[in-house]
Amino acid sequence: MAFPRKRASGTYELSWKWKGKSYIKGLGTMDLTQAEQIKQDAVD
């Protein structure tokens, strides 16, 4: 399961685990609503 996480800089990143390995991808937004939308687009 992927979830948005806020960095110290204020931007959000998407964090998930797959096959026991952690992955992180910067989303380039400071808006939680927009981060959630990007997450939904990526997961669907």
PDB file of N, CA and C in Angstrom:
ATOM      1  N   MET A   1       0.837  -1.181   0.000  1.00  0.00           N
ATOM      2  CA  MET A   1       0.000   0.000   0.000  1.00  0.00           C
ATOM      3  C   MET A   1       0.879   1.239   0.000  1.00  0.00           C
ATOM      4  N   ALA A   2       0.547   2.173  -0.839  1.00  0.00           N
ATOM      5  CA  ALA A   2       1.290   3.430  -0.945  1.00  0.00           C
ATOM      6  C   ALA A   2       0.621   4.495  -0.088  1.00  0.00           C
ATOM      7  N   PHE A   3       1.440   5.399   0.448  1.00  0.00           N
ATOM      8  CA  PHE A   3       0.876   6.507   1.210  1.00  0.00           C
ATOM      9  C   PHE A   3       1.737   7.743   1.040  1.00  0.00           C
ATOM     10  N   PRO A   4       1.103   8.934   1.006  1.00  0.00           N
ATOM     11  CA  PRO A   4       1.862  10.181   0.919  1.00  0.00           C
ATOM     12  C   PRO A   4       2.494  10.510   2.266  1.00  0.00           C
ATOM     13  N   ARG A   5       3.694  11.045   2.219  1.00  0.00           N
ATOM     14  CA  ARG A   5       4.427  11.397   3.433  1.00  0.00           C
ATOM     15  C   ARG A   5       5.039  12.773   3.224  1.00  0.00           C
ATOM     16  N   LYS A   6       4.964  13.636   4.230  1.00  0.00           N
ATOM     17  CA  LYS A   6       5.479  14.989   4.117  1.00  0.00           C
ATOM     18  C   LYS A   6       6.957  15.025   4.501  1.00  0.00           C
ATOM     19  N   ARG A   7       7.769  15.610   3.643  1.00  0.00           N
ATOM     20  CA  ARG A   7       9.197  15.785   3.907  1.00  0.00           C
ATOM     21  C   ARG A   7       9.417  17.001   4.791  1.00  0.00           C
ATOM     22  N   ALA A   8      10.608  17.136   5.333  1.00  0.00           N
ATOM     23  CA  ALA A   8      10.945  18.289   6.164  1.00  0.00           C
ATOM     24  C   ALA A   8      10.867  19.587   5.366  1.00  0.00           C
ATOM     25  N   SER A   9      11.086  19.514   4.061  1.00  0.00           N
ATOM     26  CA  SER A   9      11.022  20.700   3.202  1.00  0.00           C
ATOM     27  C   SER A   9       9.591  21.154   2.939  1.00  0.00           C
ATOM     28  N   GLY A  10       8.613  20.305   3.285  1.00  0.00           N
ATOM     29  CA  GLY A  10       7.209  20.660   3.088  1.00  0.00           C
ATOM     30  C   GLY A  10       6.576  19.997   1.881  1.00  0.00           C
ATOM     31  N   THR A  11       7.374  19.406   1.006  1.00  0.00           N
ATOM     32  CA  THR A  11       6.809  18.712  -0.148  1.00  0.00           C
ATOM     33  C   THR A  11       6.436  17.284   0.235  1.00  0.00           C
ATOM     34  N   TYR A  12       5.579  16.687  -0.570  1.00  0.00           N
ATOM     35  CA  TYR A  12       5.119  15.325  -0.293  1.00  0.00           C
ATOM     36  C   TYR A  12       5.852  14.329  -1.189  1.00  0.00           C
ATOM     37  N   GLU A  13       5.971  13.121  -0.669  1.00  0.00           N
ATOM     38  CA  GLU A  13       6.534  12.016  -1.410  1.00  0.00           C
ATOM     39  C   GLU A  13       5.622  10.823  -1.242  1.00  0.00           C
ATOM     40  N   LEU A  14       5.683   9.908  -2.184  1.00  0.00           N
ATOM     41  CA  LEU A  14       4.894   8.690  -2.125  1.00  0.00           C
ATOM     42  C   LEU A  14       5.812   7.569  -1.677  1.00  0.00           C
ATOM     43  N   SER A  15       5.400   6.850  -0.657  1.00  0.00           N
ATOM     44  CA  SER A  15       6.208   5.779  -0.092  1.00  0.00           C
ATOM     45  C   SER A  15       5.422   4.477  -0.149  1.00  0.00           C
ATOM     46  N   TRP A  16       6.091   3.388  -0.577  1.00  0.00           N
ATOM     47  CA  TRP A  16       5.437   2.088  -0.631  1.00  0.00           C
ATOM     48  C   TRP A  16       6.479   0.981  -0.533  1.00  0.00           C
ATOM     49  N   LYS A  17       5.994  -0.212  -0.244  1.00  0.00           N
ATOM     50  CA  LYS A  17       6.849  -1.393  -0.203  1.00  0.00           C
ATOM     51  C   LYS A  17       6.347  -2.387  -1.235  1.00  0.00           C
ATOM     52  N   TRP A  18       7.294  -3.032  -1.912  1.00  0.00           N
ATOM     53  CA  TRP A  18       6.962  -4.041  -2.896  1.00  0.00           C
ATOM     54  C   TRP A  18       8.015  -5.131  -2.842  1.00  0.00           C
ATOM     55  N   LYS A  19       7.553  -6.358  -2.637  1.00  0.00           N
ATOM     56  CA  LYS A  19       8.433  -7.523  -2.513  1.00  0.00           C
ATOM     57  C   LYS A  19       9.502  -7.315  -1.445  1.00  0.00           C
ATOM     58  N   GLY A  20       9.118  -6.698  -0.324  1.00  0.00           N
ATOM     59  CA  GLY A  20      10.006  -6.517   0.803  1.00  0.00           C
ATOM     60  C   GLY A  20      10.975  -5.357   0.685  1.00  0.00           C
ATOM     61  N   LYS A  21      10.899  -4.576  -0.363  1.00  0.00           N
ATOM     62  CA  LYS A  21      11.798  -3.446  -0.563  1.00  0.00           C
ATOM     63  C   LYS A  21      11.009  -2.142  -0.515  1.00  0.00           C
ATOM     64  N   SER A  22      11.576  -1.116   0.119  1.00  0.00           N
ATOM     65  CA  SER A  22      10.917   0.187   0.230  1.00  0.00           C
ATOM     66  C   SER A  22      11.258   1.070  -0.963  1.00  0.00           C
ATOM     67  N   TYR A  23      10.261   1.811  -1.415  1.00  0.00           N
ATOM     68  CA  TYR A  23      10.434   2.745  -2.519  1.00  0.00           C
ATOM     69  C   TYR A  23       9.865   4.097  -2.122  1.00  0.00           C
ATOM     70  N   ILE A  24      10.494   5.176  -2.609  1.00  0.00           N
ATOM     71  CA  ILE A  24      10.032   6.538  -2.340  1.00  0.00           C
ATOM     72  C   ILE A  24      10.124   7.326  -3.643  1.00  0.00           C
ATOM     73  N   LYS A  25       9.081   8.087  -3.944  1.00  0.00           N
ATOM     74  CA  LYS A  25       9.060   8.928  -5.135  1.00  0.00           C
ATOM     75  C   LYS A  25       8.529  10.304  -4.757  1.00  0.00           C
ATOM     76  N   GLY A  26       9.299  11.337  -5.024  1.00  0.00           N
ATOM     77  CA  GLY A  26       8.871  12.702  -4.747  1.00  0.00           C
ATOM     78  C   GLY A  26       7.714  13.094  -5.652  1.00  0.00           C
ATOM     79  N   LEU A  27       6.717  13.776  -5.091  1.00  0.00           N
ATOM     80  CA  LEU A  27       5.541  14.166  -5.861  1.00  0.00           C
ATOM     81  C   LEU A  27       5.599  15.604  -6.347  1.00  0.00           C
ATOM     82  N   GLY A  28       6.474  16.415  -5.770  1.00  0.00           N
ATOM     83  CA  GLY A  28       6.641  17.785  -6.243  1.00  0.00           C
ATOM     84  C   GLY A  28       5.489  18.712  -5.904  1.00  0.00           C
ATOM     85  N   THR A  29       4.774  18.435  -4.829  1.00  0.00           N
ATOM     86  CA  THR A  29       3.669  19.296  -4.420  1.00  0.00           C
ATOM     87  C   THR A  29       3.704  19.495  -2.903  1.00  0.00           C
ATOM     88  N   MET A  30       3.194  20.633  -2.459  1.00  0.00           N
ATOM     89  CA  MET A  30       3.098  20.921  -1.032  1.00  0.00           C
ATOM     90  C   MET A  30       1.657  20.817  -0.548  1.00  0.00           C
ATOM     91  N   ASP A  31       0.761  20.397  -1.421  1.00  0.00           N
ATOM     92  CA  ASP A  31      -0.664  20.311  -1.128  1.00  0.00           C
ATOM     93  C   ASP A  31      -1.060  18.851  -0.914  1.00  0.00           C
ATOM     94  N   LEU A  32      -1.587  18.520   0.265  1.00  0.00           N
ATOM     95  CA  LEU A  32      -1.972  17.149   0.583  1.00  0.00           C
ATOM     96  C   LEU A  32      -3.068  16.638  -0.341  1.00  0.00           C
ATOM     97  N   THR A  33      -4.026  17.470  -0.685  1.00  0.00           N
ATOM     98  CA  THR A  33      -5.108  17.058  -1.573  1.00  0.00           C
ATOM     99  C   THR A  33      -4.568  16.656  -2.940  1.00  0.00           C
ATOM    100  N   GLN A  34      -3.646  17.440  -3.454  1.00  0.00           N
ATOM    101  CA  GLN A  34      -3.043  17.125  -4.741  1.00  0.00           C
ATOM    102  C   GLN A  34      -2.189  15.855  -4.640  1.00  0.00           C
ATOM    103  N   ALA A  35      -1.487  15.675  -3.529  1.00  0.00           N
ATOM    104  CA  ALA A  35      -0.688  14.463  -3.319  1.00  0.00           C
ATOM    105  C   ALA A  35      -1.574  13.230  -3.290  1.00  0.00           C
ATOM    106  N   GLU A  36      -2.723  13.320  -2.634  1.00  0.00           N
ATOM    107  CA  GLU A  36      -3.667  12.198  -2.603  1.00  0.00           C
ATOM    108  C   GLU A  36      -4.183  11.889  -4.001  1.00  0.00           C
ATOM    109  N   GLN A  37      -4.428  12.918  -4.808  1.00  0.00           N
ATOM    110  CA  GLN A  37      -4.915  12.716  -6.175  1.00  0.00           C
ATOM    111  C   GLN A  37      -3.841  12.013  -7.022  1.00  0.00           C
ATOM    112  N   ILE A  38      -2.597  12.437  -6.881  1.00  0.00           N
ATOM    113  CA  ILE A  38      -1.501  11.795  -7.614  1.00  0.00           C
ATOM    114  C   ILE A  38      -1.393  10.334  -7.202  1.00  0.00           C
ATOM    115  N   LYS A  39      -1.549  10.070  -5.901  1.00  0.00           N
ATOM    116  CA  LYS A  39      -1.499   8.691  -5.406  1.00  0.00           C
ATOM    117  C   LYS A  39      -2.610   7.857  -6.041  1.00  0.00           C
ATOM    118  N   GLN A  40      -3.818   8.378  -6.089  1.00  0.00           N
ATOM    119  CA  GLN A  40      -4.946   7.648  -6.671  1.00  0.00           C
ATOM    120  C   GLN A  40      -4.698   7.371  -8.151  1.00  0.00           C
ATOM    121  N   ASP A  41      -4.140   8.336  -8.868  1.00  0.00           N
ATOM    122  CA  ASP A  41      -3.843   8.156 -10.291  1.00  0.00           C
ATOM    123  C   ASP A  41      -2.780   7.074 -10.486  1.00  0.00           C
ATOM    124  N   ALA A  42      -1.809   7.007  -9.605  1.00  0.00           N
ATOM    125  CA  ALA A  42      -0.719   6.037  -9.723  1.00  0.00           C
ATOM    126  C   ALA A  42      -1.180   4.633  -9.360  1.00  0.00           C
ATOM    127  N   VAL A  43      -2.052   4.507  -8.388  1.00  0.00           N
ATOM    128  CA  VAL A  43      -2.484   3.200  -7.904  1.00  0.00           C
ATOM    129  C   VAL A  43      -3.529   2.590  -8.835  1.00  0.00           C
ATOM    130  N   ASP A  44      -4.394   3.393  -9.386  1.00  0.00           N
ATOM    131  CA  ASP A  44      -5.481   2.880 -10.244  1.00  0.00           C
ATOM    132  C   ASP A  44      -5.005   2.400 -11.571  1.00  0.00           C
TER     133      ASP A  44
END
